[in-house]
Every structure is written in C-alpha cells, then in structure tokens.
Amino acid sequence: EQSTGVNQLYTHYQLQIPNRKCQLKMSGNYRLT
C-alpha cells in the first residue's frame, strides 16, 4: 500500500510465513531473500 499525507513518499509491503503458497514442515533457521 502506498503512503498518504506524508512528506517522504513510500510504499509499505508485508508478507507472512507460513502462507497459502508456502507451509513450513521443518524446524530450524531460515533465510528469506
């Protein structure tokens, strides 16, 4: 979603893990790029 009513323009992004496309099945450390 794009910012509104602010001096510095920006677009805010968000994601969640797990999600409907990616369900985790193993514990441990994870790197997301």
PDB file of all heavy atoms in Angstrom:
ATOM      1  N   GLU A   1       0.847  -1.192   0.000  1.00  0.00           N
ATOM      2  CA  GLU A   1       0.000   0.000   0.000  1.00  0.00           C
ATOM      3  C   GLU A   1       0.879   1.236   0.000  1.00  0.00           C
ATOM      4  O   GLU A   1       1.870   1.303   0.728  1.00  0.00           O
ATOM      5  CB  GLU A   1      -0.915  -0.003   1.217  1.00  0.00           C
ATOM      6  CG  GLU A   1      -1.925   1.120   1.239  1.00  0.00           C
ATOM      7  CD  GLU A   1      -2.846   1.055   2.446  1.00  0.00           C
ATOM      8  OE1 GLU A   1      -2.696   0.126   3.259  1.00  0.00           O
ATOM      9  OE2 GLU A   1      -3.713   1.948   2.577  1.00  0.00           O
ATOM     10  N   GLN A   2       0.506   2.235  -0.793  1.00  0.00           N
ATOM     11  CA  GLN A   2       1.270   3.474  -0.859  1.00  0.00           C
ATOM     12  C   GLN A   2       0.966   4.364   0.344  1.00  0.00           C
ATOM     13  O   GLN A   2      -0.140   4.354   0.890  1.00  0.00           O
ATOM     14  CB  GLN A   2       0.953   4.220  -2.152  1.00  0.00           C
ATOM     15  CG  GLN A   2       1.469   3.534  -3.410  1.00  0.00           C
ATOM     16  CD  GLN A   2       1.197   4.345  -4.661  1.00  0.00           C
ATOM     17  OE1 GLN A   2       0.346   5.245  -4.661  1.00  0.00           O
ATOM     18  NE2 GLN A   2       1.916   4.053  -5.728  1.00  0.00           N
ATOM     19  N   SER A   3       1.968   5.142   0.731  1.00  0.00           N
ATOM     20  CA  SER A   3       1.790   6.099   1.821  1.00  0.00           C
ATOM     21  C   SER A   3       0.878   7.241   1.384  1.00  0.00           C
ATOM     22  O   SER A   3       0.739   7.530   0.185  1.00  0.00           O
ATOM     23  CB  SER A   3       3.147   6.660   2.241  1.00  0.00           C
ATOM     24  OG  SER A   3       3.765   7.345   1.143  1.00  0.00           O
ATOM     25  N   THR A   4       0.252   7.883   2.358  1.00  0.00           N
ATOM     26  CA  THR A   4      -0.618   9.024   2.082  1.00  0.00           C
ATOM     27  C   THR A   4      -0.368  10.114   3.116  1.00  0.00           C
ATOM     28  O   THR A   4      -0.133   9.830   4.291  1.00  0.00           O
ATOM     29  CB  THR A   4      -2.107   8.628   2.125  1.00  0.00           C
ATOM     30  OG1 THR A   4      -2.418   8.070   3.412  1.00  0.00           O
ATOM     31  CG2 THR A   4      -2.428   7.601   1.056  1.00  0.00           C
ATOM     32  N   GLY A   5      -0.414  11.374   2.653  1.00  0.00           N
ATOM     33  CA  GLY A   5      -0.339  12.513   3.564  1.00  0.00           C
ATOM     34  C   GLY A   5       0.993  12.688   4.244  1.00  0.00           C
ATOM     35  O   GLY A   5       1.052  13.274   5.338  1.00  0.00           O
ATOM     36  N   VAL A   6       2.087  12.207   3.643  1.00  0.00           N
ATOM     37  CA  VAL A   6       3.402  12.321   4.269  1.00  0.00           C
ATOM     38  C   VAL A   6       4.373  13.005   3.309  1.00  0.00           C
ATOM     39  O   VAL A   6       4.150  13.058   2.089  1.00  0.00           O
ATOM     40  CB  VAL A   6       3.958  10.938   4.680  1.00  0.00           C
ATOM     41  CG1 VAL A   6       3.105  10.332   5.787  1.00  0.00           C
ATOM     42  CG2 VAL A   6       4.028  10.000   3.478  1.00  0.00           C
ATOM     43  N   ASN A   7       5.449  13.523   3.857  1.00  0.00           N
ATOM     44  CA  ASN A   7       6.451  14.215   3.063  1.00  0.00           C
ATOM     45  C   ASN A   7       7.299  13.237   2.257  1.00  0.00           C
ATOM     46  O   ASN A   7       7.506  13.406   1.057  1.00  0.00           O
ATOM     47  CB  ASN A   7       7.348  15.048   3.982  1.00  0.00           C
ATOM     48  CG  ASN A   7       8.435  15.779   3.230  1.00  0.00           C
ATOM     49  OD1 ASN A   7       8.153  16.526   2.295  1.00  0.00           O
ATOM     50  ND2 ASN A   7       9.684  15.553   3.611  1.00  0.00           N
ATOM     51  N   GLN A   8       7.804  12.200   2.899  1.00  0.00           N
ATOM     52  CA  GLN A   8       8.593  11.168   2.234  1.00  0.00           C
ATOM     53  C   GLN A   8       7.652  10.107   1.658  1.00  0.00           C
ATOM     54  O   GLN A   8       6.982   9.392   2.386  1.00  0.00           O
ATOM     55  CB  GLN A   8       9.567  10.516   3.213  1.00  0.00           C
ATOM     56  CG  GLN A   8      10.209   9.230   2.732  1.00  0.00           C
ATOM     57  CD  GLN A   8      11.179   9.448   1.577  1.00  0.00           C
ATOM     58  OE1 GLN A   8      12.206  10.102   1.740  1.00  0.00           O
ATOM     59  NE2 GLN A   8      10.860   8.894   0.407  1.00  0.00           N
ATOM     60  N   LEU A   9       7.607  10.019   0.334  1.00  0.00           N
ATOM     61  CA  LEU A   9       6.770   9.002  -0.287  1.00  0.00           C
ATOM     62  C   LEU A   9       7.380   7.627  -0.058  1.00  0.00           C
ATOM     63  O   LEU A   9       8.602   7.451  -0.102  1.00  0.00           O
ATOM     64  CB  LEU A   9       6.634   9.264  -1.787  1.00  0.00           C
ATOM     65  CG  LEU A   9       6.020  10.610  -2.199  1.00  0.00           C
ATOM     66  CD1 LEU A   9       5.949  10.706  -3.718  1.00  0.00           C
ATOM     67  CD2 LEU A   9       4.649  10.797  -1.577  1.00  0.00           C
ATOM     68  N   TYR A  10       6.525   6.634   0.171  1.00  0.00           N
ATOM     69  CA  TYR A  10       6.995   5.258   0.291  1.00  0.00           C
ATOM     70  C   TYR A  10       5.840   4.309   0.038  1.00  0.00           C
ATOM     71  O   TYR A  10       4.660   4.693   0.071  1.00  0.00           O
ATOM     72  CB  TYR A  10       7.624   5.000   1.665  1.00  0.00           C
ATOM     73  CG  TYR A  10       6.721   5.220   2.863  1.00  0.00           C
ATOM     74  CD1 TYR A  10       5.908   4.204   3.356  1.00  0.00           C
ATOM     75  CD2 TYR A  10       6.698   6.454   3.521  1.00  0.00           C
ATOM     76  CE1 TYR A  10       5.097   4.404   4.462  1.00  0.00           C
ATOM     77  CE2 TYR A  10       5.897   6.657   4.633  1.00  0.00           C
ATOM     78  CZ  TYR A  10       5.096   5.634   5.100  1.00  0.00           C
ATOM     79  OH  TYR A  10       4.286   5.838   6.199  1.00  0.00           O
ATOM     80  N   THR A  11       6.183   3.074  -0.221  1.00  0.00           N
ATOM     81  CA  THR A  11       5.202   2.001  -0.373  1.00  0.00           C
ATOM     82  C   THR A  11       5.506   0.947   0.675  1.00  0.00           C
ATOM     83  O   THR A  11       6.650   0.488   0.783  1.00  0.00           O
ATOM     84  CB  THR A  11       5.258   1.375  -1.771  1.00  0.00           C
ATOM     85  OG1 THR A  11       5.087   2.402  -2.758  1.00  0.00           O
ATOM     86  CG2 THR A  11       4.163   0.329  -1.939  1.00  0.00           C
ATOM     87  N   HIS A  12       4.492   0.598   1.447  1.00  0.00           N
ATOM     88  CA  HIS A  12       4.671  -0.367   2.532  1.00  0.00           C
ATOM     89  C   HIS A  12       4.297  -1.770   2.052  1.00  0.00           C
ATOM     90  O   HIS A  12       3.226  -1.977   1.459  1.00  0.00           O
ATOM     91  CB  HIS A  12       3.791   0.014   3.721  1.00  0.00           C
ATOM     92  CG  HIS A  12       3.951  -0.904   4.895  1.00  0.00           C
ATOM     93  ND1 HIS A  12       5.047  -0.831   5.733  1.00  0.00           N
ATOM     94  CD2 HIS A  12       3.178  -1.931   5.359  1.00  0.00           C
ATOM     95  CE1 HIS A  12       4.934  -1.759   6.669  1.00  0.00           C
ATOM     96  NE2 HIS A  12       3.819  -2.445   6.459  1.00  0.00           N
ATOM     97  N   TYR A  13       5.184  -2.733   2.290  1.00  0.00           N
ATOM     98  CA  TYR A  13       4.981  -4.129   1.904  1.00  0.00           C
ATOM     99  C   TYR A  13       4.958  -5.003   3.151  1.00  0.00           C
ATOM    100  O   TYR A  13       5.626  -4.698   4.154  1.00  0.00           O
ATOM    101  CB  TYR A  13       6.112  -4.617   0.997  1.00  0.00           C
ATOM    102  CG  TYR A  13       6.149  -3.993  -0.375  1.00  0.00           C
ATOM    103  CD1 TYR A  13       6.681  -2.717  -0.568  1.00  0.00           C
ATOM    104  CD2 TYR A  13       5.666  -4.672  -1.489  1.00  0.00           C
ATOM    105  CE1 TYR A  13       6.729  -2.141  -1.825  1.00  0.00           C
ATOM    106  CE2 TYR A  13       5.714  -4.106  -2.763  1.00  0.00           C
ATOM    107  CZ  TYR A  13       6.249  -2.841  -2.921  1.00  0.00           C
ATOM    108  OH  TYR A  13       6.302  -2.279  -4.172  1.00  0.00           O
ATOM    109  N   GLN A  14       4.220  -6.107   3.046  1.00  0.00           N
ATOM    110  CA  GLN A  14       4.183  -7.060   4.154  1.00  0.00           C
ATOM    111  C   GLN A  14       3.920  -8.471   3.633  1.00  0.00           C
ATOM    112  O   GLN A  14       3.166  -8.661   2.677  1.00  0.00           O
ATOM    113  CB  GLN A  14       3.091  -6.669   5.154  1.00  0.00           C
ATOM    114  CG  GLN A  14       2.975  -7.604   6.354  1.00  0.00           C
ATOM    115  CD  GLN A  14       1.994  -7.102   7.379  1.00  0.00           C
ATOM    116  OE1 GLN A  14       2.208  -6.068   8.019  1.00  0.00           O
ATOM    117  NE2 GLN A  14       0.899  -7.821   7.557  1.00  0.00           N
ATOM    118  N   LEU A  15       4.564  -9.446   4.248  1.00  0.00           N
ATOM    119  CA  LEU A  15       4.280 -10.843   3.951  1.00  0.00           C
ATOM    120  C   LEU A  15       4.342 -11.650   5.225  1.00  0.00           C
ATOM    121  O   LEU A  15       4.938 -11.213   6.223  1.00  0.00           O
ATOM    122  CB  LEU A  15       5.260 -11.418   2.928  1.00  0.00           C
ATOM    123  CG  LEU A  15       6.698 -11.682   3.395  1.00  0.00           C
ATOM    124  CD1 LEU A  15       7.241 -12.946   2.735  1.00  0.00           C
ATOM    125  CD2 LEU A  15       7.599 -10.493   3.059  1.00  0.00           C
ATOM    126  N   GLN A  16       3.714 -12.825   5.188  1.00  0.00           N
ATOM    127  CA  GLN A  16       3.721 -13.726   6.327  1.00  0.00           C
ATOM    128  C   GLN A  16       4.217 -15.105   5.898  1.00  0.00           C
ATOM    129  O   GLN A  16       3.968 -15.546   4.779  1.00  0.00           O
ATOM    130  CB  GLN A  16       2.313 -13.857   6.924  1.00  0.00           C
ATOM    131  CG  GLN A  16       1.766 -12.572   7.516  1.00  0.00           C
ATOM    132  CD  GLN A  16       0.440 -12.779   8.221  1.00  0.00           C
ATOM    133  OE1 GLN A  16      -0.111 -13.878   8.240  1.00  0.00           O
ATOM    134  NE2 GLN A  16      -0.077 -11.714   8.833  1.00  0.00           N
ATOM    135  N   ILE A  17       4.944 -15.734   6.808  1.00  0.00           N
ATOM    136  CA  ILE A  17       5.389 -17.111   6.640  1.00  0.00           C
ATOM    137  C   ILE A  17       4.968 -17.876   7.895  1.00  0.00           C
ATOM    138  O   ILE A  17       5.304 -17.437   8.998  1.00  0.00           O
ATOM    139  CB  ILE A  17       6.916 -17.217   6.467  1.00  0.00           C
ATOM    140  CG1 ILE A  17       7.385 -16.440   5.222  1.00  0.00           C
ATOM    141  CG2 ILE A  17       7.365 -18.667   6.381  1.00  0.00           C
ATOM    142  CD1 ILE A  17       6.971 -17.080   3.906  1.00  0.00           C
ATOM    143  N   PRO A  18       4.227 -18.978   7.755  1.00  0.00           N
ATOM    144  CA  PRO A  18       3.753 -19.612   6.531  1.00  0.00           C
ATOM    145  C   PRO A  18       2.582 -18.852   5.908  1.00  0.00           C
ATOM    146  O   PRO A  18       1.956 -18.011   6.552  1.00  0.00           O
ATOM    147  CB  PRO A  18       3.325 -21.004   7.009  1.00  0.00           C
ATOM    148  CG  PRO A  18       2.948 -20.803   8.442  1.00  0.00           C
ATOM    149  CD  PRO A  18       3.874 -19.746   8.963  1.00  0.00           C
ATOM    150  N   ASN A  19       2.299 -19.192   4.655  1.00  0.00           N
ATOM    151  CA  ASN A  19       1.150 -18.644   3.948  1.00  0.00           C
ATOM    152  C   ASN A  19       0.571 -19.743   3.046  1.00  0.00           C
ATOM    153  O   ASN A  19       1.039 -20.883   3.077  1.00  0.00           O
ATOM    154  CB  ASN A  19       1.549 -17.394   3.146  1.00  0.00           C
ATOM    155  CG  ASN A  19       2.721 -17.658   2.203  1.00  0.00           C
ATOM    156  OD1 ASN A  19       2.691 -18.590   1.404  1.00  0.00           O
ATOM    157  ND2 ASN A  19       3.763 -16.827   2.308  1.00  0.00           N
ATOM    158  N   ARG A  20      -0.434 -19.406   2.267  1.00  0.00           N
ATOM    159  CA  ARG A  20      -1.120 -20.437   1.475  1.00  0.00           C
ATOM    160  C   ARG A  20      -0.229 -21.029   0.390  1.00  0.00           C
ATOM    161  O   ARG A  20      -0.488 -22.130  -0.090  1.00  0.00           O
ATOM    162  CB  ARG A  20      -2.402 -19.872   0.860  1.00  0.00           C
ATOM    163  CG  ARG A  20      -2.186 -18.717  -0.104  1.00  0.00           C
ATOM    164  CD  ARG A  20      -3.505 -18.161  -0.615  1.00  0.00           C
ATOM    165  NE  ARG A  20      -3.320 -17.034  -1.503  1.00  0.00           N
ATOM    166  CZ  ARG A  20      -3.072 -17.133  -2.794  1.00  0.00           C
ATOM    167  NH1 ARG A  20      -2.983 -18.333  -3.357  1.00  0.00           N
ATOM    168  NH2 ARG A  20      -2.919 -16.046  -3.538  1.00  0.00           N
ATOM    169  N   LYS A  21       0.834 -20.321   0.014  1.00  0.00           N
ATOM    170  CA  LYS A  21       1.748 -20.830  -1.009  1.00  0.00           C
ATOM    171  C   LYS A  21       2.936 -21.572  -0.417  1.00  0.00           C
ATOM    172  O   LYS A  21       3.632 -22.294  -1.139  1.00  0.00           O
ATOM    173  CB  LYS A  21       2.262 -19.675  -1.873  1.00  0.00           C
ATOM    174  CG  LYS A  21       1.192 -18.961  -2.683  1.00  0.00           C
ATOM    175  CD  LYS A  21       1.807 -17.847  -3.508  1.00  0.00           C
ATOM    176  CE  LYS A  21       0.751 -17.111  -4.311  1.00  0.00           C
ATOM    177  NZ  LYS A  21       1.353 -15.987  -5.108  1.00  0.00           N
ATOM    178  N   CYS A  22       3.199 -21.380   0.870  1.00  0.00           N
ATOM    179  CA  CYS A  22       4.401 -21.948   1.492  1.00  0.00           C
ATOM    180  C   CYS A  22       4.113 -22.301   2.941  1.00  0.00           C
ATOM    181  O   CYS A  22       3.992 -21.409   3.782  1.00  0.00           O
ATOM    182  CB  CYS A  22       5.560 -20.958   1.386  1.00  0.00           C
ATOM    183  SG  CYS A  22       7.081 -21.525   2.168  1.00  0.00           S
ATOM    184  N   GLN A  23       3.999 -23.601   3.234  1.00  0.00           N
ATOM    185  CA  GLN A  23       3.792 -24.096   4.589  1.00  0.00           C
ATOM    186  C   GLN A  23       5.072 -24.770   5.069  1.00  0.00           C
ATOM    187  O   GLN A  23       5.630 -25.612   4.364  1.00  0.00           O
ATOM    188  CB  GLN A  23       2.629 -25.093   4.621  1.00  0.00           C
ATOM    189  CG  GLN A  23       1.289 -24.513   4.196  1.00  0.00           C
ATOM    190  CD  GLN A  23       0.702 -23.602   5.244  1.00  0.00           C
ATOM    191  OE1 GLN A  23       0.826 -23.850   6.444  1.00  0.00           O
ATOM    192  NE2 GLN A  23       0.046 -22.534   4.798  1.00  0.00           N
ATOM    193  N   LEU A  24       5.524 -24.407   6.253  1.00  0.00           N
ATOM    194  CA  LEU A  24       6.768 -24.969   6.771  1.00  0.00           C
ATOM    195  C   LEU A  24       6.513 -26.331   7.413  1.00  0.00           C
ATOM    196  O   LEU A  24       5.514 -26.521   8.113  1.00  0.00           O
ATOM    197  CB  LEU A  24       7.397 -24.023   7.785  1.00  0.00           C
ATOM    198  CG  LEU A  24       7.736 -22.620   7.262  1.00  0.00           C
ATOM    199  CD1 LEU A  24       8.308 -21.759   8.381  1.00  0.00           C
ATOM    200  CD2 LEU A  24       8.705 -22.698   6.096  1.00  0.00           C
ATOM    201  N   LYS A  25       7.442 -27.265   7.202  1.00  0.00           N
ATOM    202  CA  LYS A  25       7.303 -28.609   7.752  1.00  0.00           C
ATOM    203  C   LYS A  25       8.532 -29.053   8.536  1.00  0.00           C
ATOM    204  O   LYS A  25       8.606 -30.206   8.953  1.00  0.00           O
ATOM    205  CB  LYS A  25       7.013 -29.609   6.630  1.00  0.00           C
ATOM    206  CG  LYS A  25       8.035 -29.603   5.517  1.00  0.00           C
ATOM    207  CD  LYS A  25       7.617 -30.448   4.322  1.00  0.00           C
ATOM    208  CE  LYS A  25       7.657 -31.921   4.593  1.00  0.00           C
ATOM    209  NZ  LYS A  25       7.463 -32.716   3.355  1.00  0.00           N
ATOM    210  N   MET A  26       9.481 -28.129   8.769  1.00  0.00           N
ATOM    211  CA  MET A  26      10.705 -28.495   9.466  1.00  0.00           C
ATOM    212  C   MET A  26      11.161 -27.323  10.332  1.00  0.00           C
ATOM    213  O   MET A  26      11.085 -26.161   9.916  1.00  0.00           O
ATOM    214  CB  MET A  26      11.795 -28.862   8.452  1.00  0.00           C
ATOM    215  CG  MET A  26      13.080 -29.369   9.065  1.00  0.00           C
ATOM    216  SD  MET A  26      14.253 -29.885   7.760  1.00  0.00           S
ATOM    217  CE  MET A  26      15.602 -30.484   8.787  1.00  0.00           C
ATOM    218  N   SER A  27      11.621 -27.627  11.528  1.00  0.00           N
ATOM    219  CA  SER A  27      12.143 -26.574  12.402  1.00  0.00           C
ATOM    220  C   SER A  27      13.563 -26.205  11.982  1.00  0.00           C
ATOM    221  O   SER A  27      14.195 -26.878  11.163  1.00  0.00           O
ATOM    222  CB  SER A  27      12.127 -27.032  13.855  1.00  0.00           C
ATOM    223  OG  SER A  27      13.074 -28.070  14.063  1.00  0.00           O
ATOM    224  N   GLY A  28      14.072 -25.120  12.572  1.00  0.00           N
ATOM    225  CA  GLY A  28      15.436 -24.696  12.294  1.00  0.00           C
ATOM    226  C   GLY A  28      15.534 -23.228  11.971  1.00  0.00           C
ATOM    227  O   GLY A  28      14.620 -22.436  12.241  1.00  0.00           O
ATOM    228  N   ASN A  29      16.653 -22.840  11.404  1.00  0.00           N
ATOM    229  CA  ASN A  29      16.905 -21.462  10.998  1.00  0.00           C
ATOM    230  C   ASN A  29      16.471 -21.265   9.541  1.00  0.00           C
ATOM    231  O   ASN A  29      16.641 -22.170   8.710  1.00  0.00           O
ATOM    232  CB  ASN A  29      18.393 -21.121  11.120  1.00  0.00           C
ATOM    233  CG  ASN A  29      18.878 -21.150  12.555  1.00  0.00           C
ATOM    234  OD1 ASN A  29      18.098 -20.988  13.484  1.00  0.00           O
ATOM    235  ND2 ASN A  29      20.178 -21.343  12.739  1.00  0.00           N
ATOM    236  N   TYR A  30      15.985 -20.070   9.243  1.00  0.00           N
ATOM    237  CA  TYR A  30      15.538 -19.769   7.886  1.00  0.00           C
ATOM    238  C   TYR A  30      16.062 -18.410   7.430  1.00  0.00           C
ATOM    239  O   TYR A  30      16.122 -17.456   8.218  1.00  0.00           O
ATOM    240  CB  TYR A  30      14.013 -19.771   7.800  1.00  0.00           C
ATOM    241  CG  TYR A  30      13.416 -21.165   7.762  1.00  0.00           C
ATOM    242  CD1 TYR A  30      13.105 -21.833   8.947  1.00  0.00           C
ATOM    243  CD2 TYR A  30      13.187 -21.815   6.557  1.00  0.00           C
ATOM    244  CE1 TYR A  30      12.573 -23.114   8.928  1.00  0.00           C
ATOM    245  CE2 TYR A  30      12.652 -23.099   6.523  1.00  0.00           C
ATOM    246  CZ  TYR A  30      12.345 -23.735   7.707  1.00  0.00           C
ATOM    247  OH  TYR A  30      11.820 -25.008   7.683  1.00  0.00           O
ATOM    248  N   ARG A  31      16.410 -18.355   6.143  1.00  0.00           N
ATOM    249  CA  ARG A  31      16.788 -17.092   5.500  1.00  0.00           C
ATOM    250  C   ARG A  31      15.811 -16.813   4.374  1.00  0.00           C
ATOM    251  O   ARG A  31      15.573 -17.672   3.528  1.00  0.00           O
ATOM    252  CB  ARG A  31      18.212 -17.172   4.948  1.00  0.00           C
ATOM    253  CG  ARG A  31      18.665 -15.868   4.276  1.00  0.00           C
ATOM    254  CD  ARG A  31      20.109 -15.941   3.821  1.00  0.00           C
ATOM    255  NE  ARG A  31      20.262 -16.708   2.590  1.00  0.00           N
ATOM    256  CZ  ARG A  31      21.432 -16.912   1.976  1.00  0.00           C
ATOM    257  NH1 ARG A  31      22.540 -16.427   2.515  1.00  0.00           N
ATOM    258  NH2 ARG A  31      21.485 -17.609   0.863  1.00  0.00           N
ATOM    259  N   LEU A  32      15.241 -15.611   4.386  1.00  0.00           N
ATOM    260  CA  LEU A  32      14.316 -15.192   3.334  1.00  0.00           C
ATOM    261  C   LEU A  32      14.930 -14.014   2.587  1.00  0.00           C
ATOM    262  O   LEU A  32      15.263 -12.998   3.197  1.00  0.00           O
ATOM    263  CB  LEU A  32      12.965 -14.813   3.930  1.00  0.00           C
ATOM    264  CG  LEU A  32      11.868 -14.469   2.930  1.00  0.00           C
ATOM    265  CD1 LEU A  32      10.509 -15.011   3.409  1.00  0.00           C
ATOM    266  CD2 LEU A  32      11.747 -12.961   2.706  1.00  0.00           C
ATOM    267  N   THR A  33      15.095 -14.177   1.287  1.00  0.00           N
ATOM    268  CA  THR A  33      15.684 -13.143   0.432  1.00  0.00           C
ATOM    269  C   THR A  33      14.605 -12.549  -0.452  1.00  0.00           C
ATOM    270  O   THR A  33      13.899 -13.275  -1.162  1.00  0.00           O
ATOM    271  CB  THR A  33      16.802 -13.725  -0.452  1.00  0.00           C
ATOM    272  OG1 THR A  33      17.795 -14.338   0.377  1.00  0.00           O
ATOM    273  CG2 THR A  33      17.450 -12.629  -1.294  1.00  0.00           C
TER     274      THR A  33
END
